[in-house]
Structure formats: structure tokens, C-alpha cells
Amino acid sequence: MFFNIKEIDAKELASWKEDSSKQFRIIDVREPMEIAQGSIPGAEPMPLSTLGEHLGEIGQDEEVVFICRSGARSGQVCSYLAQNGFEHVYNLRGGVLGWAQNGFEFAKVL
């Protein structure tokens, strides 16, 4: 979909989550109304509309998986960050829809 970005699928992300030695963050770039319906457990809400305000909170050396509904918005974020020196950012291919289609758990966000 996007050039020069790394992608991860739902099964690989689930495997990462099970590996206690794997250090990474999951950032959900959907809007608050979407996130309120549920997200991947452990995901941090950081809506795309506010991402610019929070870029300083993401270390260039951190491994970060970005998620959205289908993988389009998170792919844009990964593409932008990759163009700006972030080497360890991953797009969840298929987004939370792909996560759900694989039968993985959702967490309610308050």
C-alpha cells in the first residue's frame, strides 16, 4: 500500500504480545469515538488529528506498531515517520479489522 514502510500482520503482532522479552509499543491513531468501541489490549490512544502534538513522545529507537481501522491511516503515519528517520515503526496490515477477523481479543477503552 505504501512504499518503504514495514508491516506486521495480526498473527505476528499477537506473537509479539505473547513474547515477554519483546519491547514495543502499540499506538492507535483512530479518533476517540472509534477507540471507545474497543482496541487491541495495551494500545495507547494517539488520534491522528493530535499526532503532531505527540511526536516528541515517540523515540526514534523505539519499536512501535501503529494501528487504525484498516491500516490506511496507520500506514500514512508509518510512511511519514520513516521519511523522518524512524526506522522501527510498523503498520498493522489490515488494522483492527484484520485483528478481529483473526479472532483476537479487544479491550474496551474508557
Protein backbone atom coordinates (compact mmCIF):
# COMPACT_ATOMS: atom_id res chain seq x y z
CA MET A 1 0.00 0.00 0.00
CA PHE A 2 2.75 2.44 0.99
CA PHE A 3 6.36 2.47 -0.08
CA ASN A 4 9.23 1.99 2.33
CA ILE A 5 7.23 1.02 5.38
CA LYS A 6 7.41 -2.12 7.46
CA GLU A 7 4.20 -4.03 8.05
CA ILE A 8 3.17 -6.65 10.54
CA ASP A 9 0.05 -8.80 10.38
CA ALA A 10 -2.33 -9.66 13.21
CA LYS A 11 -0.83 -13.09 13.88
CA GLU A 12 2.69 -11.69 14.10
CA LEU A 13 1.53 -8.91 16.43
CA ALA A 14 -0.20 -11.46 18.66
CA SER A 15 3.06 -13.42 18.77
CA TRP A 16 4.97 -10.27 19.75
CA LYS A 17 2.45 -9.63 22.53
CA GLU A 18 2.98 -13.14 23.92
CA ASP A 19 6.78 -12.69 23.97
CA SER A 20 7.53 -11.01 27.30
CA SER A 21 11.09 -10.22 26.17
CA LYS A 22 9.84 -8.19 23.18
CA GLN A 23 9.78 -4.46 23.95
CA PHE A 24 7.44 -2.40 21.75
CA ARG A 25 4.50 -0.02 21.86
CA ILE A 26 1.18 -0.16 20.06
CA ILE A 27 -0.30 3.22 19.16
CA ASP A 28 -3.90 3.50 17.97
CA VAL A 29 -4.30 6.51 15.64
CA ARG A 30 -8.08 6.24 15.29
CA GLU A 31 -10.29 9.01 16.60
CA PRO A 32 -11.68 8.83 20.18
CA MET A 33 -15.16 7.68 19.09
CA GLU A 34 -13.62 4.77 17.20
CA ILE A 35 -11.23 3.86 20.00
CA ALA A 36 -14.10 3.91 22.52
CA GLN A 37 -15.62 0.94 20.70
CA GLY A 38 -12.57 -1.13 21.62
CA SER A 39 -8.94 -1.54 20.75
CA ILE A 40 -6.12 -4.02 20.90
CA PRO A 41 -5.21 -4.62 24.56
CA GLY A 42 -2.28 -2.44 25.57
CA ALA A 43 -2.68 0.01 22.70
CA GLU A 44 -2.13 3.67 23.52
CA PRO A 45 -4.64 6.11 22.04
CA MET A 46 -2.98 8.84 19.97
CA PRO A 47 -5.53 10.06 17.41
CA LEU A 48 -4.12 11.05 14.04
CA SER A 49 -5.62 14.53 14.48
CA THR A 50 -3.36 15.09 17.52
CA LEU A 51 -0.32 13.09 16.44
CA GLY A 52 1.74 16.17 15.62
CA GLU A 53 1.46 17.30 19.23
CA HIS A 54 2.74 13.93 20.48
CA LEU A 55 5.58 13.10 18.10
CA GLY A 56 8.12 14.02 20.77
CA GLU A 57 6.75 11.17 22.88
CA ILE A 58 7.90 8.59 20.32
CA GLY A 59 11.59 7.72 20.42
CA GLN A 60 13.31 7.12 17.10
CA ASP A 61 14.92 3.99 18.53
CA GLU A 62 11.64 2.50 19.86
CA GLU A 63 9.78 -0.29 18.10
CA VAL A 64 6.24 0.96 17.56
CA VAL A 65 3.27 -0.69 15.86
CA PHE A 66 0.70 1.80 14.61
CA ILE A 67 -2.89 0.67 14.22
CA CYS A 68 -6.12 2.07 12.80
CA ARG A 69 -9.34 0.62 11.43
CA SER A 70 -7.97 -0.82 8.16
CA GLY A 71 -4.26 0.03 8.05
CA ALA A 72 -4.60 3.10 5.81
CA ARG A 73 -4.17 5.88 8.37
CA SER A 74 -1.54 3.99 10.33
CA GLY A 75 0.28 3.35 7.03
CA GLN A 76 0.36 7.09 6.39
CA VAL A 77 1.82 7.65 9.85
CA CYS A 78 4.49 4.99 9.29
CA SER A 79 5.37 6.43 5.90
CA TYR A 80 5.73 9.92 7.37
CA LEU A 81 7.83 8.73 10.29
CA ALA A 82 10.04 6.56 8.07
CA GLN A 83 10.72 9.61 5.89
CA ASN A 84 11.75 11.45 9.06
CA GLY A 85 14.30 8.97 10.36
CA PHE A 86 12.18 6.48 12.32
CA GLU A 87 13.46 3.01 11.44
CA HIS A 88 11.45 0.82 13.81
CA VAL A 89 7.84 1.69 13.02
CA TYR A 90 5.39 -0.92 11.78
CA ASN A 91 1.94 -0.70 10.26
CA LEU A 92 -0.62 -3.31 11.32
CA ARG A 93 -1.70 -4.66 7.93
CA GLY A 94 -5.50 -4.81 7.86
CA GLY A 95 -5.78 -2.74 11.04
CA VAL A 96 -8.16 -3.67 13.82
CA LEU A 97 -10.46 -5.22 11.23
CA GLY A 98 -7.73 -7.75 10.45
CA TRP A 99 -7.12 -8.23 14.17
CA ALA A 100 -10.83 -9.02 14.69
CA GLN A 101 -11.01 -11.28 11.63
CA ASN A 102 -8.28 -13.39 13.20
CA GLY A 103 -10.34 -13.73 16.39
CA PHE A 104 -8.03 -11.79 18.69
CA GLU A 105 -9.20 -10.01 21.84
CA PHE A 106 -10.41 -6.42 22.02
CA ALA A 107 -10.28 -4.25 25.12
CA LYS A 108 -12.87 -1.64 25.97
CA VAL A 109 -11.33 1.79 26.35
CA LEU A 110 -12.90 4.15 28.87
